[in-house]
N, C-alpha and C. Protein backbone atom coordinates (compact mmCIF):
# COMPACT_ATOMS: atom_id res chain seq x y z
N UNK A 1 0.83 -1.18 0.00
CA UNK A 1 0.00 0.00 0.00
C UNK A 1 0.88 1.25 0.00
N UNK A 2 1.78 1.39 0.97
CA UNK A 2 2.72 2.51 0.98
C UNK A 2 4.04 2.05 0.38
N UNK A 3 4.73 2.96 -0.28
CA UNK A 3 6.05 2.61 -0.80
C UNK A 3 7.01 2.44 0.37
N UNK A 4 8.11 1.74 0.11
CA UNK A 4 9.14 1.57 1.15
C UNK A 4 9.69 2.93 1.57
N UNK A 5 9.85 3.83 0.62
CA UNK A 5 10.33 5.17 0.94
C UNK A 5 9.38 5.84 1.91
N UNK A 6 8.09 5.70 1.68
CA UNK A 6 7.09 6.31 2.56
C UNK A 6 7.12 5.67 3.95
N UNK A 7 7.29 4.36 4.00
CA UNK A 7 7.40 3.69 5.31
C UNK A 7 8.58 4.24 6.09
N UNK A 8 9.72 4.41 5.42
CA UNK A 8 10.90 4.99 6.08
C UNK A 8 10.63 6.42 6.53
N UNK A 9 9.94 7.18 5.68
CA UNK A 9 9.62 8.57 6.01
C UNK A 9 8.73 8.66 7.24
N UNK A 10 7.73 7.79 7.32
CA UNK A 10 6.83 7.80 8.48
C UNK A 10 7.62 7.44 9.74
N UNK A 11 8.44 6.40 9.67
CA UNK A 11 9.22 6.01 10.85
C UNK A 11 10.19 7.11 11.25
N UNK A 12 10.87 7.72 10.27
CA UNK A 12 11.81 8.80 10.57
C UNK A 12 11.09 9.97 11.23
N UNK A 13 9.93 10.32 10.72
CA UNK A 13 9.18 11.45 11.28
C UNK A 13 8.73 11.16 12.70
N UNK A 14 8.30 9.95 12.96
CA UNK A 14 7.90 9.58 14.32
C UNK A 14 9.10 9.67 15.26
N UNK A 15 10.25 9.19 14.82
CA UNK A 15 11.45 9.27 15.65
C UNK A 15 11.83 10.72 15.93
N UNK A 16 11.78 11.55 14.89
CA UNK A 16 12.09 12.97 15.07
C UNK A 16 11.09 13.61 16.03
N UNK A 17 9.82 13.30 15.87
CA UNK A 17 8.78 13.87 16.74
C UNK A 17 8.97 13.44 18.19
N UNK A 18 9.33 12.17 18.40
CA UNK A 18 9.56 11.68 19.76
C UNK A 18 10.74 12.41 20.41
N UNK A 19 11.78 12.65 19.63
CA UNK A 19 12.94 13.42 20.15
C UNK A 19 12.53 14.85 20.45
N UNK A 20 11.73 15.43 19.58
CA UNK A 20 11.24 16.80 19.79
C UNK A 20 10.45 16.88 21.09
N UNK A 21 9.60 15.89 21.32
CA UNK A 21 8.78 15.86 22.53
C UNK A 21 9.66 15.89 23.78
N UNK A 22 10.85 15.31 23.68
CA UNK A 22 11.78 15.28 24.81
C UNK A 22 12.73 16.49 24.81
N UNK A 23 12.47 17.44 23.91
CA UNK A 23 13.28 18.65 23.86
C UNK A 23 14.62 18.47 23.15
N UNK A 24 14.73 17.46 22.32
CA UNK A 24 15.98 17.14 21.65
C UNK A 24 15.86 17.30 20.14
N UNK A 25 17.02 17.44 19.49
CA UNK A 25 17.12 17.33 18.04
C UNK A 25 17.90 16.06 17.76
N UNK A 26 17.75 15.52 16.56
CA UNK A 26 18.40 14.26 16.23
C UNK A 26 19.13 14.38 14.89
N UNK A 27 20.30 13.79 14.81
CA UNK A 27 21.14 13.89 13.61
C UNK A 27 20.68 12.94 12.52
N UNK A 28 21.07 13.27 11.31
CA UNK A 28 20.81 12.40 10.16
C UNK A 28 21.36 11.01 10.42
N UNK A 29 22.58 10.94 10.90
CA UNK A 29 23.23 9.64 11.15
C UNK A 29 22.41 8.80 12.13
N UNK A 30 21.93 9.41 13.19
CA UNK A 30 21.15 8.69 14.20
C UNK A 30 19.79 8.24 13.64
N UNK A 31 19.16 9.10 12.86
CA UNK A 31 17.88 8.73 12.24
C UNK A 31 18.08 7.54 11.32
N UNK A 32 19.10 7.62 10.47
CA UNK A 32 19.39 6.53 9.52
C UNK A 32 19.63 5.23 10.27
N UNK A 33 20.36 5.31 11.37
CA UNK A 33 20.63 4.10 12.16
C UNK A 33 19.34 3.54 12.74
N UNK A 34 18.50 4.41 13.27
CA UNK A 34 17.27 3.95 13.93
C UNK A 34 16.23 3.39 12.96
N UNK A 35 16.24 3.87 11.72
CA UNK A 35 15.28 3.32 10.74
C UNK A 35 15.94 2.28 9.85
N UNK A 36 17.22 1.99 10.13
CA UNK A 36 17.98 0.98 9.40
C UNK A 36 17.99 1.27 7.90
N UNK A 37 18.46 2.47 7.57
CA UNK A 37 18.47 2.95 6.20
C UNK A 37 19.81 3.63 5.90
N UNK A 38 20.31 3.53 4.68
CA UNK A 38 21.54 4.24 4.33
C UNK A 38 21.38 5.75 4.54
N UNK A 39 22.44 6.41 4.97
CA UNK A 39 22.37 7.85 5.24
C UNK A 39 21.97 8.66 4.02
N UNK A 40 22.50 8.31 2.84
CA UNK A 40 22.19 9.09 1.64
C UNK A 40 20.70 8.99 1.29
N UNK A 41 20.13 7.80 1.43
CA UNK A 41 18.71 7.59 1.17
C UNK A 41 17.87 8.34 2.21
N UNK A 42 18.28 8.25 3.46
CA UNK A 42 17.58 8.95 4.55
C UNK A 42 17.65 10.46 4.33
N UNK A 43 18.79 10.96 3.88
CA UNK A 43 18.95 12.40 3.63
C UNK A 43 17.95 12.87 2.58
N UNK A 44 17.76 12.10 1.53
CA UNK A 44 16.80 12.47 0.48
C UNK A 44 15.37 12.50 1.04
N UNK A 45 15.04 11.53 1.87
CA UNK A 45 13.72 11.49 2.49
C UNK A 45 13.52 12.72 3.36
N UNK A 46 14.51 13.02 4.20
CA UNK A 46 14.39 14.16 5.12
C UNK A 46 14.35 15.48 4.36
N UNK A 47 15.07 15.55 3.26
CA UNK A 47 15.04 16.75 2.42
C UNK A 47 13.62 16.97 1.89
N UNK A 48 12.97 15.91 1.45
CA UNK A 48 11.60 16.00 0.95
C UNK A 48 10.64 16.39 2.08
N UNK A 49 10.83 15.80 3.25
CA UNK A 49 9.97 16.13 4.40
C UNK A 49 10.16 17.60 4.80
N UNK A 50 11.39 18.09 4.76
CA UNK A 50 11.66 19.49 5.09
C UNK A 50 11.05 20.42 4.05
N UNK A 51 11.18 20.05 2.78
CA UNK A 51 10.60 20.85 1.70
C UNK A 51 9.08 20.98 1.86
N UNK A 52 8.46 19.93 2.38
CA UNK A 52 7.01 19.92 2.59
C UNK A 52 6.62 20.40 3.99
N UNK A 53 7.58 20.96 4.72
CA UNK A 53 7.34 21.57 6.04
C UNK A 53 6.83 20.59 7.09
N UNK A 54 7.24 19.31 6.95
CA UNK A 54 6.89 18.31 7.95
C UNK A 54 7.93 18.35 9.07
N UNK A 55 9.22 18.42 8.71
CA UNK A 55 10.31 18.50 9.68
C UNK A 55 11.13 19.75 9.39
N UNK A 56 11.92 20.14 10.39
CA UNK A 56 12.84 21.27 10.25
C UNK A 56 14.23 20.78 10.65
N UNK A 57 15.23 21.57 10.30
CA UNK A 57 16.58 21.21 10.71
C UNK A 57 17.39 22.45 11.02
N UNK A 58 18.37 22.26 11.87
CA UNK A 58 19.35 23.29 12.20
C UNK A 58 20.72 22.71 11.97
N UNK A 59 21.59 23.48 11.36
CA UNK A 59 22.96 23.03 11.14
C UNK A 59 23.84 23.47 12.30
N UNK A 60 24.99 22.81 12.40
CA UNK A 60 25.99 23.22 13.37
C UNK A 60 25.87 22.51 14.70
N UNK A 61 26.67 22.99 15.66
CA UNK A 61 26.70 22.40 16.99
C UNK A 61 25.32 22.52 17.65
N UNK A 62 24.79 21.42 18.12
CA UNK A 62 23.47 21.41 18.74
C UNK A 62 22.34 21.36 17.72
N UNK A 63 22.70 21.20 16.45
CA UNK A 63 21.70 21.14 15.39
C UNK A 63 21.10 19.75 15.25
N UNK A 64 20.38 19.57 14.19
CA UNK A 64 19.74 18.29 13.91
C UNK A 64 18.32 18.51 13.44
N UNK A 65 17.60 17.42 13.32
CA UNK A 65 16.23 17.47 12.84
C UNK A 65 15.26 17.55 14.00
N UNK A 66 14.14 18.25 13.77
CA UNK A 66 13.11 18.40 14.79
C UNK A 66 11.79 18.76 14.13
N UNK A 67 10.73 18.69 14.90
CA UNK A 67 9.41 19.16 14.47
C UNK A 67 9.02 20.23 15.49
N UNK A 68 8.63 21.39 15.01
CA UNK A 68 8.20 22.44 15.93
C UNK A 68 7.11 21.87 16.82
N UNK A 69 7.25 22.07 18.14
CA UNK A 69 6.32 21.45 19.09
C UNK A 69 4.85 21.77 18.79
N UNK A 70 4.58 22.99 18.35
CA UNK A 70 3.19 23.35 18.05
C UNK A 70 2.66 22.60 16.83
N UNK A 71 3.54 22.03 16.01
CA UNK A 71 3.10 21.29 14.83
C UNK A 71 2.83 19.81 15.13
N UNK A 72 3.23 19.33 16.30
CA UNK A 72 3.02 17.92 16.63
C UNK A 72 1.54 17.55 16.60
N UNK A 73 0.70 18.49 16.98
CA UNK A 73 -0.75 18.22 17.02
C UNK A 73 -1.46 18.57 15.72
N UNK A 74 -0.72 19.14 14.76
CA UNK A 74 -1.38 19.52 13.51
C UNK A 74 -0.90 18.72 12.30
N UNK A 75 0.30 18.18 12.35
CA UNK A 75 0.78 17.37 11.23
C UNK A 75 0.12 16.01 11.31
N UNK A 76 -0.52 15.64 10.22
CA UNK A 76 -1.25 14.37 10.15
C UNK A 76 -0.40 13.33 9.42
N UNK A 77 -0.68 12.07 9.71
CA UNK A 77 -0.01 10.98 9.02
C UNK A 77 -0.24 11.10 7.51
N UNK A 78 -1.42 11.53 7.12
CA UNK A 78 -1.72 11.75 5.71
C UNK A 78 -0.84 12.80 5.07
N UNK A 79 -0.39 13.80 5.84
CA UNK A 79 0.51 14.82 5.31
C UNK A 79 1.85 14.21 4.90
N UNK A 80 2.34 13.30 5.72
CA UNK A 80 3.62 12.65 5.43
C UNK A 80 3.47 11.79 4.18
N UNK A 81 2.41 11.03 4.11
CA UNK A 81 2.18 10.15 2.96
C UNK A 81 2.01 10.97 1.68
N UNK A 82 1.28 12.06 1.76
CA UNK A 82 1.09 12.92 0.60
C UNK A 82 2.43 13.51 0.14
N UNK A 83 3.29 13.89 1.07
CA UNK A 83 4.59 14.47 0.73
C UNK A 83 5.49 13.47 0.02
N UNK A 84 5.39 12.20 0.35
CA UNK A 84 6.29 11.19 -0.21
C UNK A 84 5.65 10.43 -1.38
N UNK A 85 4.46 9.92 -1.19
CA UNK A 85 3.82 9.07 -2.22
C UNK A 85 2.73 9.77 -3.02
N UNK A 86 2.37 10.97 -2.64
CA UNK A 86 1.27 11.64 -3.32
C UNK A 86 -0.05 11.02 -2.89
N UNK A 87 -1.08 11.25 -3.66
CA UNK A 87 -2.41 10.77 -3.28
C UNK A 87 -2.79 9.44 -3.92
N UNK A 88 -1.83 8.74 -4.51
CA UNK A 88 -2.14 7.49 -5.21
C UNK A 88 -2.71 6.42 -4.28
N UNK A 89 -2.34 6.44 -3.00
CA UNK A 89 -2.86 5.44 -2.07
C UNK A 89 -4.38 5.55 -1.95
N UNK A 90 -4.92 6.73 -2.22
CA UNK A 90 -6.37 6.93 -2.13
C UNK A 90 -7.09 6.70 -3.45
N UNK A 91 -6.33 6.62 -4.53
CA UNK A 91 -6.94 6.53 -5.85
C UNK A 91 -6.64 5.23 -6.58
N UNK A 92 -5.58 4.57 -6.20
CA UNK A 92 -5.12 3.39 -6.92
C UNK A 92 -6.13 2.25 -6.78
N UNK A 93 -6.27 1.51 -7.85
CA UNK A 93 -7.13 0.32 -7.85
C UNK A 93 -6.48 -0.75 -6.98
N UNK A 94 -7.27 -1.44 -6.21
CA UNK A 94 -6.73 -2.49 -5.33
C UNK A 94 -6.14 -3.65 -6.11
N UNK A 95 -6.56 -3.82 -7.35
CA UNK A 95 -6.03 -4.90 -8.19
C UNK A 95 -4.96 -4.39 -9.15
N UNK A 96 -4.64 -3.09 -9.06
CA UNK A 96 -3.59 -2.52 -9.89
C UNK A 96 -4.00 -2.22 -11.32
N UNK A 97 -5.29 -2.13 -11.58
CA UNK A 97 -5.77 -1.87 -12.94
C UNK A 97 -5.80 -0.36 -13.20
N UNK A 98 -5.26 0.05 -14.34
CA UNK A 98 -5.20 1.47 -14.68
C UNK A 98 -6.57 2.06 -15.03
N UNK A 99 -7.44 1.26 -15.59
CA UNK A 99 -8.72 1.77 -16.07
C UNK A 99 -9.86 1.65 -15.06
N UNK A 100 -9.59 1.20 -13.86
CA UNK A 100 -10.64 1.03 -12.85
C UNK A 100 -11.20 2.40 -12.46
N UNK A 101 -12.54 2.50 -12.44
CA UNK A 101 -13.20 3.75 -12.06
C UNK A 101 -14.63 3.43 -11.64
N UNK A 102 -15.34 4.46 -11.24
CA UNK A 102 -16.76 4.30 -10.90
C UNK A 102 -17.55 3.82 -12.11
N UNK A 103 -17.18 4.31 -13.29
CA UNK A 103 -17.88 3.96 -14.52
C UNK A 103 -17.48 2.56 -14.99
N UNK A 104 -16.22 2.21 -14.80
CA UNK A 104 -15.69 0.93 -15.26
C UNK A 104 -14.96 0.26 -14.08
N UNK A 105 -15.71 -0.27 -13.10
CA UNK A 105 -15.08 -0.79 -11.88
C UNK A 105 -14.47 -2.19 -12.08
N UNK A 106 -13.40 -2.44 -11.33
CA UNK A 106 -12.81 -3.78 -11.31
C UNK A 106 -13.71 -4.68 -10.45
N UNK A 107 -13.47 -5.98 -10.43
CA UNK A 107 -14.32 -6.89 -9.65
C UNK A 107 -14.35 -6.60 -8.14
N UNK A 108 -13.32 -5.91 -7.62
CA UNK A 108 -13.25 -5.66 -6.18
C UNK A 108 -13.52 -4.20 -5.83
N UNK A 109 -13.82 -3.37 -6.80
CA UNK A 109 -13.96 -1.93 -6.62
C UNK A 109 -14.98 -1.56 -5.53
N UNK A 110 -16.16 -2.11 -5.61
CA UNK A 110 -17.22 -1.73 -4.67
C UNK A 110 -16.91 -2.14 -3.24
N UNK A 111 -16.20 -3.25 -3.05
CA UNK A 111 -15.83 -3.68 -1.71
C UNK A 111 -14.67 -2.85 -1.16
N UNK A 112 -13.76 -2.44 -2.06
CA UNK A 112 -12.55 -1.73 -1.62
C UNK A 112 -12.78 -0.24 -1.39
N UNK A 113 -13.70 0.35 -2.10
CA UNK A 113 -13.93 1.79 -1.99
C UNK A 113 -14.18 2.26 -0.55
N UNK A 114 -15.07 1.61 0.23
CA UNK A 114 -15.26 2.08 1.60
C UNK A 114 -14.01 1.88 2.47
N UNK A 115 -13.24 0.85 2.20
CA UNK A 115 -12.00 0.62 2.95
C UNK A 115 -11.02 1.74 2.67
N UNK A 116 -10.89 2.11 1.40
CA UNK A 116 -10.00 3.20 1.00
C UNK A 116 -10.45 4.51 1.66
N UNK A 117 -11.74 4.74 1.74
CA UNK A 117 -12.25 5.96 2.38
C UNK A 117 -11.98 5.95 3.88
N UNK A 118 -12.11 4.79 4.52
CA UNK A 118 -11.79 4.68 5.95
C UNK A 118 -10.31 4.92 6.18
N UNK A 119 -9.48 4.38 5.30
CA UNK A 119 -8.04 4.58 5.41
C UNK A 119 -7.71 6.07 5.31
N UNK A 120 -8.27 6.74 4.33
CA UNK A 120 -8.02 8.18 4.16
C UNK A 120 -8.44 8.94 5.41
N UNK A 121 -9.58 8.61 5.97
CA UNK A 121 -10.04 9.26 7.18
C UNK A 121 -9.07 9.02 8.34
N UNK A 122 -8.62 7.79 8.51
CA UNK A 122 -7.68 7.47 9.59
C UNK A 122 -6.37 8.21 9.42
N UNK A 123 -5.85 8.27 8.20
CA UNK A 123 -4.58 8.95 7.95
C UNK A 123 -4.71 10.46 8.11
N UNK A 124 -5.87 11.00 7.77
CA UNK A 124 -6.07 12.44 7.85
C UNK A 124 -6.49 12.92 9.24
N UNK A 125 -6.73 12.02 10.16
CA UNK A 125 -7.11 12.43 11.52
C UNK A 125 -6.08 11.99 12.57
N UNK A 126 -5.07 11.24 12.18
CA UNK A 126 -4.04 10.80 13.11
C UNK A 126 -2.87 11.76 13.06
N UNK A 127 -2.56 12.40 14.19
CA UNK A 127 -1.49 13.39 14.25
C UNK A 127 -0.18 12.77 14.75
N UNK A 128 0.89 13.51 14.57
CA UNK A 128 2.17 13.07 15.14
C UNK A 128 2.06 12.93 16.66
N UNK A 129 1.34 13.84 17.28
CA UNK A 129 1.15 13.76 18.74
C UNK A 129 0.47 12.45 19.11
N UNK A 130 -0.52 12.02 18.33
CA UNK A 130 -1.19 10.74 18.58
C UNK A 130 -0.20 9.59 18.47
N UNK A 131 0.65 9.63 17.45
CA UNK A 131 1.58 8.54 17.20
C UNK A 131 2.66 8.42 18.27
N UNK A 132 3.12 9.54 18.79
CA UNK A 132 4.19 9.46 19.79
C UNK A 132 3.66 9.28 21.20
N UNK A 133 2.37 9.52 21.40
CA UNK A 133 1.79 9.36 22.74
C UNK A 133 1.95 7.93 23.25
N UNK A 134 1.70 6.96 22.41
CA UNK A 134 1.84 5.57 22.81
C UNK A 134 3.27 5.17 23.08
N UNK A 135 4.20 5.77 22.34
CA UNK A 135 5.63 5.47 22.57
C UNK A 135 6.06 5.93 23.95
N UNK A 136 5.59 7.11 24.35
CA UNK A 136 6.01 7.70 25.63
C UNK A 136 5.63 6.84 26.83
N UNK A 137 4.54 6.09 26.72
CA UNK A 137 4.08 5.27 27.85
C UNK A 137 4.23 3.77 27.56
N UNK A 138 5.02 3.46 26.54
CA UNK A 138 5.30 2.06 26.16
C UNK A 138 4.06 1.25 25.79
N UNK A 139 3.03 1.91 25.28
CA UNK A 139 1.87 1.18 24.76
C UNK A 139 2.09 0.74 23.33
N UNK A 140 2.97 1.45 22.63
CA UNK A 140 3.33 1.10 21.27
C UNK A 140 4.85 1.03 21.18
N UNK A 141 5.35 0.50 20.08
CA UNK A 141 6.81 0.45 19.92
C UNK A 141 7.18 0.76 18.49
N UNK A 142 8.41 1.15 18.35
CA UNK A 142 9.01 1.41 17.04
C UNK A 142 10.44 0.93 17.19
N UNK A 143 10.88 0.07 16.32
CA UNK A 143 12.24 -0.45 16.44
C UNK A 143 13.22 0.71 16.49
N UNK A 144 13.79 0.90 17.66
CA UNK A 144 14.74 1.99 17.85
C UNK A 144 16.04 1.42 18.41
């Protein structure tokens, strides 16, 4: 459903947000290590996230990546996905057919449409604050 790049982007953003919540910034090297990704690939992901105003960075001593604390409650999971994969996750046919539409539906179109709408709703209502809340109290985990 999500590209591998998008999966890495979501994990990286959650890690950055968790560090931000603790008043810290995190380096590219540390993010790459925590998401088990090459630094150059991680740098491209973070550059895209920064361009889309999901994350910020500071250079120099004490620098690193962070999310402005006031944005933790406003950045949605859907924002990250849109920045990396675009809106194809909401439009793509579940069977991978290019011509699938309301007018010319695939065999699974009618069953999948409500699921896709529920997914969009979940992604557009889940914030970074929601995602890191479970980490803080060990209700959820992220390989770190």
